[in-house]
Amino acid sequence: MLNLTQQYWPILVVVLLLVVAGVLWVRRGKHVALDQEQSIRPTLSREIAPVVDEPEIKQPAFLIEPIAGTPDNLLEIKGLGPRIAMMLNGLGITRFEQIARLTPEEQVNLDQHLGPFKGRIEQDRWVDQARILASGDRAAFESEFGKINGG
């Protein structure tokens, strides 16, 4: 087999070049050209509906007045990463007690402020975790939610 390849390699190169040229020649007719006389399709010229402004989301009162004292490490809550912690800090939430005291209505309202993290409050049970962490019972937290990360 090697001898055949060594003897006929120029022929193989020519055949390969002919195949490539044939493929390019066949494909040259596949391009679409628009005439100046053709008009734009009606589906492309329709009017775009105006953007409806979303209703303004009111901030709950607890988000305006932060609790005094040393801030808690919110990263200890499972499912709450650095970006979410930064968002919460920007809204005035710095303590576990603030999250633990959230009413269902406040949870829904806060959820609207989380952007791409919407739904995480309920999904990751932040309120339950914050109640245990606010009480200081680390053993109870670790038995229910696993080891505390702490960021």
C-alpha atoms as a PDB file:
ATOM      1  CA  MET A   1       0.000   0.000   0.000  1.00  0.00           C
ATOM      2  CA  LEU A   2       2.857   2.366   0.839  1.00  0.00           C
ATOM      3  CA  ASN A   3       4.489   1.684  -2.527  1.00  0.00           C
ATOM      4  CA  LEU A   4       1.272   2.586  -4.338  1.00  0.00           C
ATOM      5  CA  THR A   5       1.022   5.863  -2.442  1.00  0.00           C
ATOM      6  CA  GLN A   6       4.635   6.732  -3.229  1.00  0.00           C
ATOM      7  CA  GLN A   7       4.146   5.960  -6.927  1.00  0.00           C
ATOM      8  CA  TYR A   8       0.832   7.683  -7.458  1.00  0.00           C
ATOM      9  CA  TRP A   9       0.990  10.650  -5.064  1.00  0.00           C
ATOM     10  CA  PRO A  10       0.986  13.245  -7.885  1.00  0.00           C
ATOM     11  CA  ILE A  11      -2.190  11.695  -9.282  1.00  0.00           C
ATOM     12  CA  LEU A  12      -3.799  11.686  -5.820  1.00  0.00           C
ATOM     13  CA  VAL A  13      -2.973  15.387  -5.393  1.00  0.00           C
ATOM     14  CA  VAL A  14      -4.505  16.226  -8.788  1.00  0.00           C
ATOM     15  CA  VAL A  15      -7.661  14.222  -7.985  1.00  0.00           C
ATOM     16  CA  LEU A  16      -7.982  15.959  -4.620  1.00  0.00           C
ATOM     17  CA  LEU A  17      -7.598  19.389  -6.241  1.00  0.00           C
ATOM     18  CA  LEU A  18     -10.239  18.485  -8.838  1.00  0.00           C
ATOM     19  CA  VAL A  19     -12.671  17.411  -6.107  1.00  0.00           C
ATOM     20  CA  VAL A  20     -12.150  20.678  -4.189  1.00  0.00           C
ATOM     21  CA  ALA A  21     -12.556  22.717  -7.389  1.00  0.00           C
ATOM     22  CA  GLY A  22     -15.739  20.804  -8.233  1.00  0.00           C
ATOM     23  CA  VAL A  23     -17.252  21.460  -4.816  1.00  0.00           C
ATOM     24  CA  LEU A  24     -16.448  25.167  -5.071  1.00  0.00           C
ATOM     25  CA  TRP A  25     -17.886  25.325  -8.617  1.00  0.00           C
ATOM     26  CA  VAL A  26     -21.155  23.674  -7.509  1.00  0.00           C
ATOM     27  CA  ARG A  27     -21.509  25.980  -4.493  1.00  0.00           C
ATOM     28  CA  ARG A  28     -21.009  29.191  -6.510  1.00  0.00           C
ATOM     29  CA  GLY A  29     -24.631  29.117  -7.701  1.00  0.00           C
ATOM     30  CA  LYS A  30     -26.068  28.900  -4.177  1.00  0.00           C
ATOM     31  CA  HIS A  31     -25.674  32.609  -3.302  1.00  0.00           C
ATOM     32  CA  VAL A  32     -28.790  34.755  -3.017  1.00  0.00           C
ATOM     33  CA  ALA A  33     -28.803  38.103  -4.769  1.00  0.00           C
ATOM     34  CA  LEU A  34     -31.498  40.738  -4.240  1.00  0.00           C
ATOM     35  CA  ASP A  35     -32.617  42.947  -7.084  1.00  0.00           C
ATOM     36  CA  GLN A  36     -33.163  46.647  -6.567  1.00  0.00           C
ATOM     37  CA  GLU A  37     -36.722  46.164  -7.798  1.00  0.00           C
ATOM     38  CA  GLN A  38     -37.650  43.759  -4.993  1.00  0.00           C
ATOM     39  CA  SER A  39     -39.371  45.434  -2.076  1.00  0.00           C
ATOM     40  CA  ILE A  40     -38.986  44.657   1.597  1.00  0.00           C
ATOM     41  CA  ARG A  41     -41.265  41.918   2.808  1.00  0.00           C
ATOM     42  CA  PRO A  42     -44.254  43.182   4.800  1.00  0.00           C
ATOM     43  CA  THR A  43     -43.281  41.089   7.827  1.00  0.00           C
ATOM     44  CA  LEU A  44     -40.015  42.973   8.098  1.00  0.00           C
ATOM     45  CA  SER A  45     -41.611  46.404   7.849  1.00  0.00           C
ATOM     46  CA  ARG A  46     -44.294  46.055  10.526  1.00  0.00           C
ATOM     47  CA  GLU A  47     -44.383  48.393  13.490  1.00  0.00           C
ATOM     48  CA  ILE A  48     -42.870  47.288  16.763  1.00  0.00           C
ATOM     49  CA  ALA A  49     -45.156  47.398  19.787  1.00  0.00           C
ATOM     50  CA  PRO A  50     -44.154  49.995  22.387  1.00  0.00           C
ATOM     51  CA  VAL A  51     -42.388  48.738  25.487  1.00  0.00           C
ATOM     52  CA  VAL A  52     -44.653  48.707  28.521  1.00  0.00           C
ATOM     53  CA  ASP A  53     -43.007  50.081  31.630  1.00  0.00           C
ATOM     54  CA  GLU A  54     -43.040  47.670  34.539  1.00  0.00           C
ATOM     55  CA  PRO A  55     -44.797  48.871  37.663  1.00  0.00           C
ATOM     56  CA  GLU A  56     -42.513  50.477  40.185  1.00  0.00           C
ATOM     57  CA  ILE A  57     -41.492  48.115  42.955  1.00  0.00           C
ATOM     58  CA  LYS A  58     -41.805  49.703  46.357  1.00  0.00           C
ATOM     59  CA  GLN A  59     -39.102  49.021  48.881  1.00  0.00           C
ATOM     60  CA  PRO A  60     -40.316  47.650  52.197  1.00  0.00           C
ATOM     61  CA  ALA A  61     -39.639  49.875  55.204  1.00  0.00           C
ATOM     62  CA  PHE A  62     -37.014  47.506  56.645  1.00  0.00           C
ATOM     63  CA  LEU A  63     -34.882  47.943  53.534  1.00  0.00           C
ATOM     64  CA  ILE A  64     -34.599  51.676  54.084  1.00  0.00           C
ATOM     65  CA  GLU A  65     -33.503  51.581  57.741  1.00  0.00           C
ATOM     66  CA  PRO A  66     -30.604  49.181  58.317  1.00  0.00           C
ATOM     67  CA  ILE A  67     -30.213  47.629  61.773  1.00  0.00           C
ATOM     68  CA  ALA A  68     -27.374  49.138  63.781  1.00  0.00           C
ATOM     69  CA  GLY A  69     -24.547  46.947  64.943  1.00  0.00           C
ATOM     70  CA  THR A  70     -21.919  44.754  63.427  1.00  0.00           C
ATOM     71  CA  PRO A  71     -23.135  43.225  60.159  1.00  0.00           C
ATOM     72  CA  ASP A  72     -23.473  39.454  60.044  1.00  0.00           C
ATOM     73  CA  ASN A  73     -21.651  37.364  57.465  1.00  0.00           C
ATOM     74  CA  LEU A  74     -24.602  36.752  55.143  1.00  0.00           C
ATOM     75  CA  LEU A  75     -22.455  34.304  53.151  1.00  0.00           C
ATOM     76  CA  GLU A  76     -23.088  31.742  55.904  1.00  0.00           C
ATOM     77  CA  ILE A  77     -26.600  31.306  54.477  1.00  0.00           C
ATOM     78  CA  LYS A  78     -26.569  28.451  51.970  1.00  0.00           C
ATOM     79  CA  GLY A  79     -27.384  29.623  48.453  1.00  0.00           C
ATOM     80  CA  LEU A  80     -26.418  33.221  49.185  1.00  0.00           C
ATOM     81  CA  GLY A  81     -23.216  34.117  47.353  1.00  0.00           C
ATOM     82  CA  PRO A  82     -21.097  37.267  47.223  1.00  0.00           C
ATOM     83  CA  ARG A  83     -23.169  38.959  44.497  1.00  0.00           C
ATOM     84  CA  ILE A  84     -26.441  38.442  46.354  1.00  0.00           C
ATOM     85  CA  ALA A  85     -24.856  39.542  49.646  1.00  0.00           C
ATOM     86  CA  MET A  86     -23.693  42.735  47.941  1.00  0.00           C
ATOM     87  CA  MET A  87     -27.222  43.331  46.581  1.00  0.00           C
ATOM     88  CA  LEU A  88     -28.742  42.792  50.026  1.00  0.00           C
ATOM     89  CA  ASN A  89     -26.207  45.105  51.662  1.00  0.00           C
ATOM     90  CA  GLY A  90     -27.120  47.741  49.086  1.00  0.00           C
ATOM     91  CA  LEU A  91     -30.757  47.383  50.141  1.00  0.00           C
ATOM     92  CA  GLY A  92     -29.840  47.802  53.813  1.00  0.00           C
ATOM     93  CA  ILE A  93     -29.963  44.118  54.786  1.00  0.00           C
ATOM     94  CA  THR A  94     -26.862  43.295  56.794  1.00  0.00           C
ATOM     95  CA  ARG A  95     -28.138  41.088  59.629  1.00  0.00           C
ATOM     96  CA  PHE A  96     -29.644  37.603  59.936  1.00  0.00           C
ATOM     97  CA  GLU A  97     -32.507  39.064  62.013  1.00  0.00           C
ATOM     98  CA  GLN A  98     -33.649  41.151  59.060  1.00  0.00           C
ATOM     99  CA  ILE A  99     -33.958  38.086  56.848  1.00  0.00           C
ATOM    100  CA  ALA A 100     -35.468  35.982  59.653  1.00  0.00           C
ATOM    101  CA  ARG A 101     -38.271  38.535  60.187  1.00  0.00           C
ATOM    102  CA  LEU A 102     -39.344  38.699  56.535  1.00  0.00           C
ATOM    103  CA  THR A 103     -43.090  38.269  56.072  1.00  0.00           C
ATOM    104  CA  PRO A 104     -44.308  36.414  52.962  1.00  0.00           C
ATOM    105  CA  GLU A 105     -45.246  39.769  51.377  1.00  0.00           C
ATOM    106  CA  GLU A 106     -41.810  41.202  52.127  1.00  0.00           C
ATOM    107  CA  GLN A 107     -40.180  38.079  50.690  1.00  0.00           C
ATOM    108  CA  VAL A 108     -42.062  38.569  47.416  1.00  0.00           C
ATOM    109  CA  ASN A 109     -41.130  42.249  47.345  1.00  0.00           C
ATOM    110  CA  LEU A 110     -37.469  41.558  48.111  1.00  0.00           C
ATOM    111  CA  ASP A 111     -37.454  38.806  45.494  1.00  0.00           C
ATOM    112  CA  GLN A 112     -38.291  41.448  42.874  1.00  0.00           C
ATOM    113  CA  HIS A 113     -35.006  43.221  43.710  1.00  0.00           C
ATOM    114  CA  LEU A 114     -32.830  40.143  43.167  1.00  0.00           C
ATOM    115  CA  GLY A 115     -32.826  40.240  39.352  1.00  0.00           C
ATOM    116  CA  PRO A 116     -31.296  37.019  38.012  1.00  0.00           C
ATOM    117  CA  PHE A 117     -31.409  35.474  41.499  1.00  0.00           C
ATOM    118  CA  LYS A 118     -35.192  35.772  41.743  1.00  0.00           C
ATOM    119  CA  GLY A 119     -36.742  32.798  43.550  1.00  0.00           C
ATOM    120  CA  ARG A 120     -33.688  31.991  45.658  1.00  0.00           C
ATOM    121  CA  ILE A 121     -35.261  33.189  48.942  1.00  0.00           C
ATOM    122  CA  GLU A 122     -37.808  30.390  48.930  1.00  0.00           C
ATOM    123  CA  GLN A 123     -35.745  27.848  47.005  1.00  0.00           C
ATOM    124  CA  ASP A 124     -32.810  27.970  49.424  1.00  0.00           C
ATOM    125  CA  ARG A 125     -34.951  28.630  52.536  1.00  0.00           C
ATOM    126  CA  TRP A 126     -33.092  31.797  53.534  1.00  0.00           C
ATOM    127  CA  VAL A 127     -35.643  32.742  56.184  1.00  0.00           C
ATOM    128  CA  ASP A 128     -35.359  29.365  57.945  1.00  0.00           C
ATOM    129  CA  GLN A 129     -31.572  29.486  57.795  1.00  0.00           C
ATOM    130  CA  ALA A 130     -31.461  33.086  59.040  1.00  0.00           C
ATOM    131  CA  ARG A 131     -33.720  32.275  62.019  1.00  0.00           C
ATOM    132  CA  ILE A 132     -31.347  29.566  63.195  1.00  0.00           C
ATOM    133  CA  LEU A 133     -28.223  31.663  62.522  1.00  0.00           C
ATOM    134  CA  ALA A 134     -29.754  34.691  64.300  1.00  0.00           C
ATOM    135  CA  SER A 135     -30.398  32.536  67.362  1.00  0.00           C
ATOM    136  CA  GLY A 136     -26.718  31.574  67.397  1.00  0.00           C
ATOM    137  CA  ASP A 137     -27.418  27.814  67.403  1.00  0.00           C
ATOM    138  CA  ARG A 138     -24.727  26.718  64.968  1.00  0.00           C
ATOM    139  CA  ALA A 139     -25.165  23.024  65.807  1.00  0.00           C
ATOM    140  CA  ALA A 140     -28.855  23.138  64.853  1.00  0.00           C
ATOM    141  CA  PHE A 141     -27.969  24.909  61.617  1.00  0.00           C
ATOM    142  CA  GLU A 142     -25.343  22.348  60.680  1.00  0.00           C
ATOM    143  CA  SER A 143     -27.657  19.427  61.493  1.00  0.00           C
ATOM    144  CA  GLU A 144     -30.374  20.808  59.187  1.00  0.00           C
ATOM    145  CA  PHE A 145     -28.443  22.588  56.433  1.00  0.00           C
ATOM    146  CA  GLY A 146     -24.898  21.227  56.596  1.00  0.00           C
ATOM    147  CA  LYS A 147     -21.586  22.776  57.506  1.00  0.00           C
ATOM    148  CA  ILE A 148     -21.441  26.579  57.650  1.00  0.00           C
ATOM    149  CA  ASN A 149     -19.330  27.970  54.799  1.00  0.00           C
ATOM    150  CA  GLY A 150     -18.889  31.554  55.838  1.00  0.00           C
ATOM    151  CA  GLY A 151     -17.699  32.748  52.422  1.00  0.00           C
END
